[in-house]
Amino acid sequence: MKAQEPSLTGKLLIAMPAMDDPRFAHSVIYMCAHSEDGGMGLIVNKPQTEVQFSDLLDQLEIEKASGVRDIRVHFGGPVDQSRGFVLHSSDYKAAVGTLNVAQDISMSATLDVIEDIAKGTGPDTSLLALGYAGWGPGQLESEIAHNGWLTCEARSDIVFGRANEHKWTAALKHMGIDPILLSDTAGRA
Protein backbone atom coordinates (compact mmCIF):
# COMPACT_ATOMS: atom_id res chain seq x y z
CA MET A 1 0.00 0.00 0.00
CA LYS A 2 1.49 3.31 -1.04
CA ALA A 3 1.58 6.13 1.52
CA GLN A 4 -1.14 8.12 -0.27
CA GLU A 5 -3.53 5.15 -0.58
CA PRO A 6 -6.23 5.19 2.07
CA SER A 7 -6.74 2.28 4.42
CA LEU A 8 -9.71 0.03 3.75
CA THR A 9 -10.14 -0.73 7.47
CA GLY A 10 -13.84 -0.50 8.35
CA LYS A 11 -14.94 -0.61 4.70
CA LEU A 12 -16.70 -3.25 2.61
CA LEU A 13 -15.16 -5.19 -0.25
CA ILE A 14 -17.70 -6.34 -2.81
CA ALA A 15 -16.71 -9.13 -5.19
CA MET A 16 -17.10 -8.29 -8.86
CA PRO A 17 -19.34 -10.64 -10.91
CA ALA A 18 -16.32 -12.23 -12.64
CA MET A 19 -14.69 -13.33 -9.37
CA ASP A 20 -13.45 -16.79 -10.36
CA ASP A 21 -12.62 -18.06 -6.86
CA PRO A 22 -15.84 -19.79 -5.67
CA ARG A 23 -14.97 -19.05 -2.04
CA PHE A 24 -15.29 -15.33 -2.81
CA ALA A 25 -17.98 -15.28 -5.54
CA HIS A 26 -20.63 -12.67 -4.65
CA SER A 27 -18.89 -12.06 -1.31
CA VAL A 28 -19.24 -9.01 0.86
CA ILE A 29 -16.22 -8.68 3.15
CA TYR A 30 -15.95 -6.38 6.14
CA MET A 31 -12.33 -5.21 6.37
CA CYS A 32 -11.06 -5.45 9.96
CA ALA A 33 -7.50 -4.35 9.21
CA HIS A 34 -5.60 -2.96 6.23
CA SER A 35 -2.12 -1.49 6.06
CA GLU A 36 1.05 -1.70 3.99
CA ASP A 37 1.57 -5.12 5.64
CA GLY A 38 -1.62 -6.55 4.09
CA GLY A 39 -5.26 -6.92 5.01
CA MET A 40 -7.69 -9.03 7.01
CA GLY A 41 -11.45 -9.20 6.62
CA LEU A 42 -14.50 -11.34 7.33
CA ILE A 43 -17.05 -12.48 4.76
CA VAL A 44 -20.41 -11.37 6.15
CA ASN A 45 -22.84 -12.90 3.65
CA LYS A 46 -21.98 -16.62 3.57
CA PRO A 47 -23.62 -18.49 6.45
CA GLN A 48 -22.26 -21.82 7.60
CA THR A 49 -24.92 -24.37 6.81
CA GLU A 50 -23.49 -27.24 8.87
CA VAL A 51 -22.52 -25.32 12.03
CA GLN A 52 -24.87 -23.79 14.56
CA PHE A 53 -23.85 -21.56 17.47
CA SER A 54 -25.31 -24.02 20.00
CA ASP A 55 -23.15 -26.80 18.47
CA LEU A 56 -20.03 -24.69 18.97
CA LEU A 57 -21.03 -24.00 22.57
CA ASP A 58 -21.39 -27.75 23.16
CA GLN A 59 -17.93 -28.39 21.66
CA LEU A 60 -16.41 -25.67 23.84
CA GLU A 61 -18.36 -26.90 26.89
CA ILE A 62 -19.98 -23.50 27.38
CA GLU A 63 -23.43 -23.47 28.90
CA LYS A 64 -26.03 -21.25 27.25
CA ALA A 65 -28.36 -19.32 29.54
CA SER A 66 -32.07 -19.85 28.97
CA GLY A 67 -33.62 -17.35 26.60
CA VAL A 68 -30.34 -16.59 24.82
CA ARG A 69 -30.82 -16.93 21.09
CA ASP A 70 -28.26 -18.40 18.72
CA ILE A 71 -26.15 -15.96 16.76
CA ARG A 72 -25.39 -16.51 13.12
CA VAL A 73 -22.27 -18.47 12.18
CA HIS A 74 -20.62 -17.51 8.88
CA PHE A 75 -17.81 -18.70 6.65
CA GLY A 76 -15.42 -15.82 7.35
CA GLY A 77 -12.86 -16.85 4.76
CA PRO A 78 -10.48 -19.63 3.79
CA VAL A 79 -7.69 -18.83 6.27
CA ASP A 80 -7.60 -20.52 9.71
CA GLN A 81 -11.16 -21.89 9.53
CA SER A 82 -10.91 -23.48 12.96
CA ARG A 83 -10.64 -20.04 14.57
CA GLY A 84 -13.65 -17.87 15.40
CA PHE A 85 -13.95 -14.12 15.04
CA VAL A 86 -16.92 -12.15 16.36
CA LEU A 87 -17.87 -8.92 14.61
CA HIS A 88 -20.05 -6.95 16.97
CA SER A 89 -21.50 -3.62 17.93
CA SER A 90 -19.14 -1.34 19.82
CA ASP A 91 -21.29 -1.44 22.96
CA TYR A 92 -19.20 -4.44 24.07
CA LYS A 93 -15.51 -4.79 24.90
CA ALA A 94 -13.99 -8.14 25.86
CA ALA A 95 -11.59 -8.29 28.79
CA VAL A 96 -8.77 -8.89 26.29
CA GLY A 97 -8.46 -8.63 22.53
CA THR A 98 -11.27 -6.39 21.27
CA LEU A 99 -10.28 -4.41 18.20
CA ASN A 100 -12.28 -1.22 17.62
CA VAL A 101 -12.47 -1.30 13.83
CA ALA A 102 -14.84 1.61 13.27
CA GLN A 103 -17.02 3.87 15.39
CA ASP A 104 -19.86 1.36 15.58
CA ILE A 105 -18.20 -2.01 14.80
CA SER A 106 -15.60 -3.96 16.76
CA MET A 107 -14.10 -7.43 16.48
CA SER A 108 -13.18 -9.85 19.26
CA ALA A 109 -11.36 -13.12 18.74
CA THR A 110 -11.10 -14.50 22.27
CA LEU A 111 -13.29 -16.98 24.11
CA ASP A 112 -14.66 -14.29 26.48
CA VAL A 113 -16.97 -12.84 23.83
CA ILE A 114 -18.46 -16.29 23.09
CA GLU A 115 -18.95 -16.94 26.81
CA ASP A 116 -20.58 -13.52 27.30
CA ILE A 117 -22.91 -14.04 24.34
CA ALA A 118 -23.91 -17.43 25.79
CA LYS A 119 -24.64 -15.78 29.16
CA GLY A 120 -26.67 -13.02 27.52
CA THR A 121 -24.17 -10.32 28.54
CA GLY A 122 -22.42 -9.96 25.17
CA PRO A 123 -22.81 -7.30 22.50
CA ASP A 124 -26.25 -6.16 21.34
CA THR A 125 -25.46 -7.17 17.75
CA SER A 126 -23.00 -9.83 16.62
CA LEU A 127 -21.95 -12.20 13.88
CA LEU A 128 -19.57 -15.14 14.39
CA ALA A 129 -17.23 -15.99 11.51
CA LEU A 130 -15.10 -19.11 11.25
CA GLY A 131 -11.93 -18.31 9.35
CA TYR A 132 -10.95 -15.07 7.67
CA ALA A 133 -9.87 -13.59 4.36
CA GLY A 134 -6.27 -12.40 4.30
CA TRP A 135 -3.99 -10.61 1.85
CA GLY A 136 -0.23 -10.07 1.84
CA PRO A 137 1.44 -6.71 1.18
CA GLY A 138 0.10 -5.20 -2.05
CA GLN A 139 -2.04 -8.24 -2.90
CA LEU A 140 -5.43 -6.65 -2.24
CA GLU A 141 -4.47 -3.44 -4.05
CA SER A 142 -3.49 -5.55 -7.07
CA GLU A 143 -6.80 -7.45 -6.99
CA ILE A 144 -8.72 -4.15 -6.83
CA ALA A 145 -6.66 -2.72 -9.73
CA HIS A 146 -7.49 -5.84 -11.77
CA ASN A 147 -11.23 -5.32 -11.24
CA GLY A 148 -11.67 -8.05 -8.62
CA TRP A 149 -13.29 -5.91 -5.94
CA LEU A 150 -15.28 -2.75 -5.39
CA THR A 151 -14.99 -0.88 -2.11
CA CYS A 152 -17.50 1.22 -0.22
CA GLU A 153 -18.34 2.56 3.20
CA ALA A 154 -19.69 -0.10 5.53
CA ARG A 155 -23.18 0.10 6.96
CA SER A 156 -24.21 -1.86 10.05
CA ASP A 157 -27.48 -2.93 8.43
CA ILE A 158 -25.51 -4.61 5.62
CA VAL A 159 -22.86 -6.15 7.88
CA PHE A 160 -25.30 -7.47 10.50
CA GLY A 161 -28.46 -7.84 8.38
CA ARG A 162 -30.27 -11.15 8.55
CA ALA A 163 -30.86 -11.55 4.79
CA ASN A 164 -27.44 -12.85 3.71
CA GLU A 165 -28.66 -13.54 0.18
CA HIS A 166 -29.35 -9.82 -0.33
CA LYS A 167 -26.18 -8.29 1.16
CA TRP A 168 -24.19 -8.30 -2.12
CA THR A 169 -26.96 -6.48 -3.98
CA ALA A 170 -27.57 -4.13 -1.03
CA ALA A 171 -23.88 -3.18 -0.90
CA LEU A 172 -23.86 -2.44 -4.64
CA LYS A 173 -27.06 -0.39 -4.38
CA HIS A 174 -25.49 1.49 -1.44
CA MET A 175 -22.84 2.56 -3.98
CA GLY A 176 -25.53 3.53 -6.50
CA ILE A 177 -24.74 0.58 -8.78
CA ASP A 178 -27.36 -1.62 -10.43
CA PRO A 179 -25.90 -5.16 -10.32
CA ILE A 180 -27.41 -5.95 -13.74
CA LEU A 181 -25.37 -3.18 -15.34
CA LEU A 182 -22.10 -4.14 -13.66
CA SER A 183 -19.36 -5.10 -16.11
CA ASP A 184 -16.89 -7.84 -15.27
CA THR A 185 -14.07 -6.41 -17.38
CA ALA A 186 -11.66 -3.63 -16.47
CA GLY A 187 -10.96 -0.75 -18.75
CA ARG A 188 -8.46 2.09 -19.02
CA ALA A 189 -9.27 5.52 -20.38
C-alpha atoms as a PDB file:
ATOM      1  CA  MET A   1       0.000   0.000   0.000  1.00  0.00           C
ATOM      2  CA  LYS A   2       1.495   3.308  -1.040  1.00  0.00           C
ATOM      3  CA  ALA A   3       1.581   6.130   1.520  1.00  0.00           C
ATOM      4  CA  GLN A   4      -1.142   8.120  -0.275  1.00  0.00           C
ATOM      5  CA  GLU A   5      -3.529   5.151  -0.584  1.00  0.00           C
ATOM      6  CA  PRO A   6      -6.233   5.192   2.070  1.00  0.00           C
ATOM      7  CA  SER A   7      -6.736   2.282   4.420  1.00  0.00           C
ATOM      8  CA  LEU A   8      -9.713   0.028   3.747  1.00  0.00           C
ATOM      9  CA  THR A   9     -10.138  -0.734   7.466  1.00  0.00           C
ATOM     10  CA  GLY A  10     -13.837  -0.503   8.345  1.00  0.00           C
ATOM     11  CA  LYS A  11     -14.939  -0.607   4.702  1.00  0.00           C
ATOM     12  CA  LEU A  12     -16.698  -3.246   2.606  1.00  0.00           C
ATOM     13  CA  LEU A  13     -15.158  -5.190  -0.252  1.00  0.00           C
ATOM     14  CA  ILE A  14     -17.695  -6.336  -2.811  1.00  0.00           C
ATOM     15  CA  ALA A  15     -16.712  -9.133  -5.187  1.00  0.00           C
ATOM     16  CA  MET A  16     -17.105  -8.290  -8.861  1.00  0.00           C
ATOM     17  CA  PRO A  17     -19.337 -10.636 -10.912  1.00  0.00           C
ATOM     18  CA  ALA A  18     -16.324 -12.232 -12.641  1.00  0.00           C
ATOM     19  CA  MET A  19     -14.690 -13.333  -9.369  1.00  0.00           C
ATOM     20  CA  ASP A  20     -13.448 -16.787 -10.362  1.00  0.00           C
ATOM     21  CA  ASP A  21     -12.624 -18.063  -6.859  1.00  0.00           C
ATOM     22  CA  PRO A  22     -15.836 -19.793  -5.675  1.00  0.00           C
ATOM     23  CA  ARG A  23     -14.967 -19.053  -2.036  1.00  0.00           C
ATOM     24  CA  PHE A  24     -15.294 -15.334  -2.811  1.00  0.00           C
ATOM     25  CA  ALA A  25     -17.982 -15.281  -5.541  1.00  0.00           C
ATOM     26  CA  HIS A  26     -20.629 -12.673  -4.645  1.00  0.00           C
ATOM     27  CA  SER A  27     -18.887 -12.058  -1.311  1.00  0.00           C
ATOM     28  CA  VAL A  28     -19.235  -9.007   0.856  1.00  0.00           C
ATOM     29  CA  ILE A  29     -16.219  -8.680   3.150  1.00  0.00           C
ATOM     30  CA  TYR A  30     -15.951  -6.378   6.137  1.00  0.00           C
ATOM     31  CA  MET A  31     -12.327  -5.206   6.372  1.00  0.00           C
ATOM     32  CA  CYS A  32     -11.063  -5.446   9.960  1.00  0.00           C
ATOM     33  CA  ALA A  33      -7.499  -4.351   9.214  1.00  0.00           C
ATOM     34  CA  HIS A  34      -5.605  -2.962   6.231  1.00  0.00           C
ATOM     35  CA  SER A  35      -2.123  -1.487   6.057  1.00  0.00           C
ATOM     36  CA  GLU A  36       1.054  -1.704   3.986  1.00  0.00           C
ATOM     37  CA  ASP A  37       1.565  -5.121   5.637  1.00  0.00           C
ATOM     38  CA  GLY A  38      -1.623  -6.552   4.094  1.00  0.00           C
ATOM     39  CA  GLY A  39      -5.256  -6.919   5.014  1.00  0.00           C
ATOM     40  CA  MET A  40      -7.694  -9.032   7.010  1.00  0.00           C
ATOM     41  CA  GLY A  41     -11.453  -9.195   6.622  1.00  0.00           C
ATOM     42  CA  LEU A  42     -14.496 -11.340   7.325  1.00  0.00           C
ATOM     43  CA  ILE A  43     -17.050 -12.485   4.757  1.00  0.00           C
ATOM     44  CA  VAL A  44     -20.412 -11.368   6.147  1.00  0.00           C
ATOM     45  CA  ASN A  45     -22.843 -12.900   3.652  1.00  0.00           C
ATOM     46  CA  LYS A  46     -21.978 -16.620   3.565  1.00  0.00           C
ATOM     47  CA  PRO A  47     -23.622 -18.492   6.446  1.00  0.00           C
ATOM     48  CA  GLN A  48     -22.257 -21.822   7.598  1.00  0.00           C
ATOM     49  CA  THR A  49     -24.920 -24.374   6.813  1.00  0.00           C
ATOM     50  CA  GLU A  50     -23.487 -27.241   8.873  1.00  0.00           C
ATOM     51  CA  VAL A  51     -22.517 -25.325  12.031  1.00  0.00           C
ATOM     52  CA  GLN A  52     -24.874 -23.789  14.563  1.00  0.00           C
ATOM     53  CA  PHE A  53     -23.853 -21.556  17.467  1.00  0.00           C
ATOM     54  CA  SER A  54     -25.306 -24.025  20.000  1.00  0.00           C
ATOM     55  CA  ASP A  55     -23.153 -26.805  18.474  1.00  0.00           C
ATOM     56  CA  LEU A  56     -20.031 -24.690  18.972  1.00  0.00           C
ATOM     57  CA  LEU A  57     -21.025 -23.998  22.571  1.00  0.00           C
ATOM     58  CA  ASP A  58     -21.391 -27.748  23.162  1.00  0.00           C
ATOM     59  CA  GLN A  59     -17.926 -28.392  21.657  1.00  0.00           C
ATOM     60  CA  LEU A  60     -16.408 -25.670  23.842  1.00  0.00           C
ATOM     61  CA  GLU A  61     -18.358 -26.896  26.891  1.00  0.00           C
ATOM     62  CA  ILE A  62     -19.977 -23.499  27.384  1.00  0.00           C
ATOM     63  CA  GLU A  63     -23.427 -23.465  28.900  1.00  0.00           C
ATOM     64  CA  LYS A  64     -26.027 -21.249  27.255  1.00  0.00           C
ATOM     65  CA  ALA A  65     -28.356 -19.324  29.535  1.00  0.00           C
ATOM     66  CA  SER A  66     -32.066 -19.854  28.970  1.00  0.00           C
ATOM     67  CA  GLY A  67     -33.617 -17.352  26.600  1.00  0.00           C
ATOM     68  CA  VAL A  68     -30.340 -16.592  24.822  1.00  0.00           C
ATOM     69  CA  ARG A  69     -30.820 -16.934  21.088  1.00  0.00           C
ATOM     70  CA  ASP A  70     -28.263 -18.400  18.725  1.00  0.00           C
ATOM     71  CA  ILE A  71     -26.148 -15.955  16.764  1.00  0.00           C
ATOM     72  CA  ARG A  72     -25.388 -16.508  13.121  1.00  0.00           C
ATOM     73  CA  VAL A  73     -22.268 -18.465  12.181  1.00  0.00           C
ATOM     74  CA  HIS A  74     -20.617 -17.508   8.880  1.00  0.00           C
ATOM     75  CA  PHE A  75     -17.805 -18.700   6.647  1.00  0.00           C
ATOM     76  CA  GLY A  76     -15.420 -15.820   7.349  1.00  0.00           C
ATOM     77  CA  GLY A  77     -12.856 -16.852   4.761  1.00  0.00           C
ATOM     78  CA  PRO A  78     -10.481 -19.632   3.787  1.00  0.00           C
ATOM     79  CA  VAL A  79      -7.685 -18.825   6.273  1.00  0.00           C
ATOM     80  CA  ASP A  80      -7.601 -20.522   9.712  1.00  0.00           C
ATOM     81  CA  GLN A  81     -11.159 -21.886   9.534  1.00  0.00           C
ATOM     82  CA  SER A  82     -10.913 -23.484  12.958  1.00  0.00           C
ATOM     83  CA  ARG A  83     -10.636 -20.044  14.570  1.00  0.00           C
ATOM     84  CA  GLY A  84     -13.645 -17.874  15.398  1.00  0.00           C
ATOM     85  CA  PHE A  85     -13.950 -14.119  15.040  1.00  0.00           C
ATOM     86  CA  VAL A  86     -16.918 -12.151  16.358  1.00  0.00           C
ATOM     87  CA  LEU A  87     -17.869  -8.921  14.605  1.00  0.00           C
ATOM     88  CA  HIS A  88     -20.048  -6.949  16.968  1.00  0.00           C
ATOM     89  CA  SER A  89     -21.503  -3.623  17.925  1.00  0.00           C
ATOM     90  CA  SER A  90     -19.139  -1.337  19.815  1.00  0.00           C
ATOM     91  CA  ASP A  91     -21.286  -1.436  22.962  1.00  0.00           C
ATOM     92  CA  TYR A  92     -19.198  -4.444  24.073  1.00  0.00           C
ATOM     93  CA  LYS A  93     -15.510  -4.794  24.899  1.00  0.00           C
ATOM     94  CA  ALA A  94     -13.991  -8.143  25.863  1.00  0.00           C
ATOM     95  CA  ALA A  95     -11.586  -8.289  28.791  1.00  0.00           C
ATOM     96  CA  VAL A  96      -8.769  -8.886  26.286  1.00  0.00           C
ATOM     97  CA  GLY A  97      -8.464  -8.627  22.534  1.00  0.00           C
ATOM     98  CA  THR A  98     -11.268  -6.391  21.273  1.00  0.00           C
ATOM     99  CA  LEU A  99     -10.276  -4.407  18.202  1.00  0.00           C
ATOM    100  CA  ASN A 100     -12.277  -1.221  17.618  1.00  0.00           C
ATOM    101  CA  VAL A 101     -12.471  -1.304  13.829  1.00  0.00           C
ATOM    102  CA  ALA A 102     -14.845   1.606  13.268  1.00  0.00           C
ATOM    103  CA  GLN A 103     -17.021   3.869  15.390  1.00  0.00           C
ATOM    104  CA  ASP A 104     -19.865   1.356  15.578  1.00  0.00           C
ATOM    105  CA  ILE A 105     -18.201  -2.012  14.800  1.00  0.00           C
ATOM    106  CA  SER A 106     -15.604  -3.963  16.762  1.00  0.00           C
ATOM    107  CA  MET A 107     -14.096  -7.431  16.479  1.00  0.00           C
ATOM    108  CA  SER A 108     -13.179  -9.846  19.255  1.00  0.00           C
ATOM    109  CA  ALA A 109     -11.359 -13.120  18.739  1.00  0.00           C
ATOM    110  CA  THR A 110     -11.102 -14.498  22.269  1.00  0.00           C
ATOM    111  CA  LEU A 111     -13.287 -16.978  24.110  1.00  0.00           C
ATOM    112  CA  ASP A 112     -14.663 -14.287  26.484  1.00  0.00           C
ATOM    113  CA  VAL A 113     -16.974 -12.837  23.832  1.00  0.00           C
ATOM    114  CA  ILE A 114     -18.459 -16.291  23.090  1.00  0.00           C
ATOM    115  CA  GLU A 115     -18.951 -16.938  26.814  1.00  0.00           C
ATOM    116  CA  ASP A 116     -20.577 -13.524  27.305  1.00  0.00           C
ATOM    117  CA  ILE A 117     -22.911 -14.044  24.342  1.00  0.00           C
ATOM    118  CA  ALA A 118     -23.905 -17.435  25.791  1.00  0.00           C
ATOM    119  CA  LYS A 119     -24.642 -15.775  29.162  1.00  0.00           C
ATOM    120  CA  GLY A 120     -26.666 -13.022  27.515  1.00  0.00           C
ATOM    121  CA  THR A 121     -24.175 -10.315  28.536  1.00  0.00           C
ATOM    122  CA  GLY A 122     -22.423  -9.962  25.173  1.00  0.00           C
ATOM    123  CA  PRO A 123     -22.815  -7.304  22.503  1.00  0.00           C
ATOM    124  CA  ASP A 124     -26.255  -6.164  21.344  1.00  0.00           C
ATOM    125  CA  THR A 125     -25.462  -7.173  17.755  1.00  0.00           C
ATOM    126  CA  SER A 126     -23.004  -9.833  16.623  1.00  0.00           C
ATOM    127  CA  LEU A 127     -21.947 -12.200  13.884  1.00  0.00           C
ATOM    128  CA  LEU A 128     -19.573 -15.141  14.387  1.00  0.00           C
ATOM    129  CA  ALA A 129     -17.234 -15.990  11.515  1.00  0.00           C
ATOM    130  CA  LEU A 130     -15.103 -19.113  11.250  1.00  0.00           C
ATOM    131  CA  GLY A 131     -11.926 -18.315   9.353  1.00  0.00           C
ATOM    132  CA  TYR A 132     -10.948 -15.073   7.669  1.00  0.00           C
ATOM    133  CA  ALA A 133      -9.868 -13.592   4.359  1.00  0.00           C
ATOM    134  CA  GLY A 134      -6.273 -12.395   4.301  1.00  0.00           C
ATOM    135  CA  TRP A 135      -3.985 -10.611   1.850  1.00  0.00           C
ATOM    136  CA  GLY A 136      -0.234 -10.068   1.841  1.00  0.00           C
ATOM    137  CA  PRO A 137       1.442  -6.713   1.181  1.00  0.00           C
ATOM    138  CA  GLY A 138       0.098  -5.196  -2.049  1.00  0.00           C
ATOM    139  CA  GLN A 139      -2.037  -8.235  -2.904  1.00  0.00           C
ATOM    140  CA  LEU A 140      -5.433  -6.645  -2.243  1.00  0.00           C
ATOM    141  CA  GLU A 141      -4.468  -3.443  -4.051  1.00  0.00           C
ATOM    142  CA  SER A 142      -3.495  -5.549  -7.069  1.00  0.00           C
ATOM    143  CA  GLU A 143      -6.802  -7.447  -6.986  1.00  0.00           C
ATOM    144  CA  ILE A 144      -8.716  -4.150  -6.830  1.00  0.00           C
ATOM    145  CA  ALA A 145      -6.658  -2.718  -9.732  1.00  0.00           C
ATOM    146  CA  HIS A 146      -7.489  -5.844 -11.768  1.00  0.00           C
ATOM    147  CA  ASN A 147     -11.233  -5.323 -11.241  1.00  0.00           C
ATOM    148  CA  GLY A 148     -11.668  -8.049  -8.616  1.00  0.00           C
ATOM    149  CA  TRP A 149     -13.295  -5.914  -5.936  1.00  0.00           C
ATOM    150  CA  LEU A 150     -15.278  -2.750  -5.393  1.00  0.00           C
ATOM    151  CA  THR A 151     -14.988  -0.881  -2.111  1.00  0.00           C
ATOM    152  CA  CYS A 152     -17.502   1.222  -0.219  1.00  0.00           C
ATOM    153  CA  GLU A 153     -18.340   2.556   3.201  1.00  0.00           C
ATOM    154  CA  ALA A 154     -19.692  -0.101   5.532  1.00  0.00           C
ATOM    155  CA  ARG A 155     -23.181   0.097   6.958  1.00  0.00           C
ATOM    156  CA  SER A 156     -24.207  -1.861  10.050  1.00  0.00           C
ATOM    157  CA  ASP A 157     -27.481  -2.927   8.426  1.00  0.00           C
ATOM    158  CA  ILE A 158     -25.514  -4.608   5.623  1.00  0.00           C
ATOM    159  CA  VAL A 159     -22.860  -6.152   7.883  1.00  0.00           C
ATOM    160  CA  PHE A 160     -25.299  -7.471  10.496  1.00  0.00           C
ATOM    161  CA  GLY A 161     -28.457  -7.840   8.376  1.00  0.00           C
ATOM    162  CA  ARG A 162     -30.269 -11.151   8.549  1.00  0.00           C
ATOM    163  CA  ALA A 163     -30.857 -11.549   4.787  1.00  0.00           C
ATOM    164  CA  ASN A 164     -27.438 -12.849   3.709  1.00  0.00           C
ATOM    165  CA  GLU A 165     -28.657 -13.542   0.181  1.00  0.00           C
ATOM    166  CA  HIS A 166     -29.352  -9.816  -0.331  1.00  0.00           C
ATOM    167  CA  LYS A 167     -26.180  -8.287   1.161  1.00  0.00           C
ATOM    168  CA  TRP A 168     -24.190  -8.303  -2.119  1.00  0.00           C
ATOM    169  CA  THR A 169     -26.962  -6.483  -3.982  1.00  0.00           C
ATOM    170  CA  ALA A 170     -27.568  -4.133  -1.028  1.00  0.00           C
ATOM    171  CA  ALA A 171     -23.878  -3.185  -0.904  1.00  0.00           C
ATOM    172  CA  LEU A 172     -23.859  -2.439  -4.636  1.00  0.00           C
ATOM    173  CA  LYS A 173     -27.060  -0.393  -4.381  1.00  0.00           C
ATOM    174  CA  HIS A 174     -25.486   1.489  -1.439  1.00  0.00           C
ATOM    175  CA  MET A 175     -22.836   2.565  -3.980  1.00  0.00           C
ATOM    176  CA  GLY A 176     -25.533   3.532  -6.501  1.00  0.00           C
ATOM    177  CA  ILE A 177     -24.740   0.576  -8.775  1.00  0.00           C
ATOM    178  CA  ASP A 178     -27.359  -1.616 -10.426  1.00  0.00           C
ATOM    179  CA  PRO A 179     -25.901  -5.158 -10.320  1.00  0.00           C
ATOM    180  CA  ILE A 180     -27.415  -5.945 -13.743  1.00  0.00           C
ATOM    181  CA  LEU A 181     -25.367  -3.177 -15.341  1.00  0.00           C
ATOM    182  CA  LEU A 182     -22.098  -4.144 -13.662  1.00  0.00           C
ATOM    183  CA  SER A 183     -19.358  -5.104 -16.106  1.00  0.00           C
ATOM    184  CA  ASP A 184     -16.888  -7.838 -15.267  1.00  0.00           C
ATOM    185  CA  THR A 185     -14.070  -6.407 -17.380  1.00  0.00           C
ATOM    186  CA  ALA A 186     -11.660  -3.632 -16.471  1.00  0.00           C
ATOM    187  CA  GLY A 187     -10.958  -0.747 -18.751  1.00  0.00           C
ATOM    188  CA  ARG A 188      -8.462   2.085 -19.022  1.00  0.00           C
ATOM    189  CA  ALA A 189      -9.268   5.520 -20.382  1.00  0.00           C
END
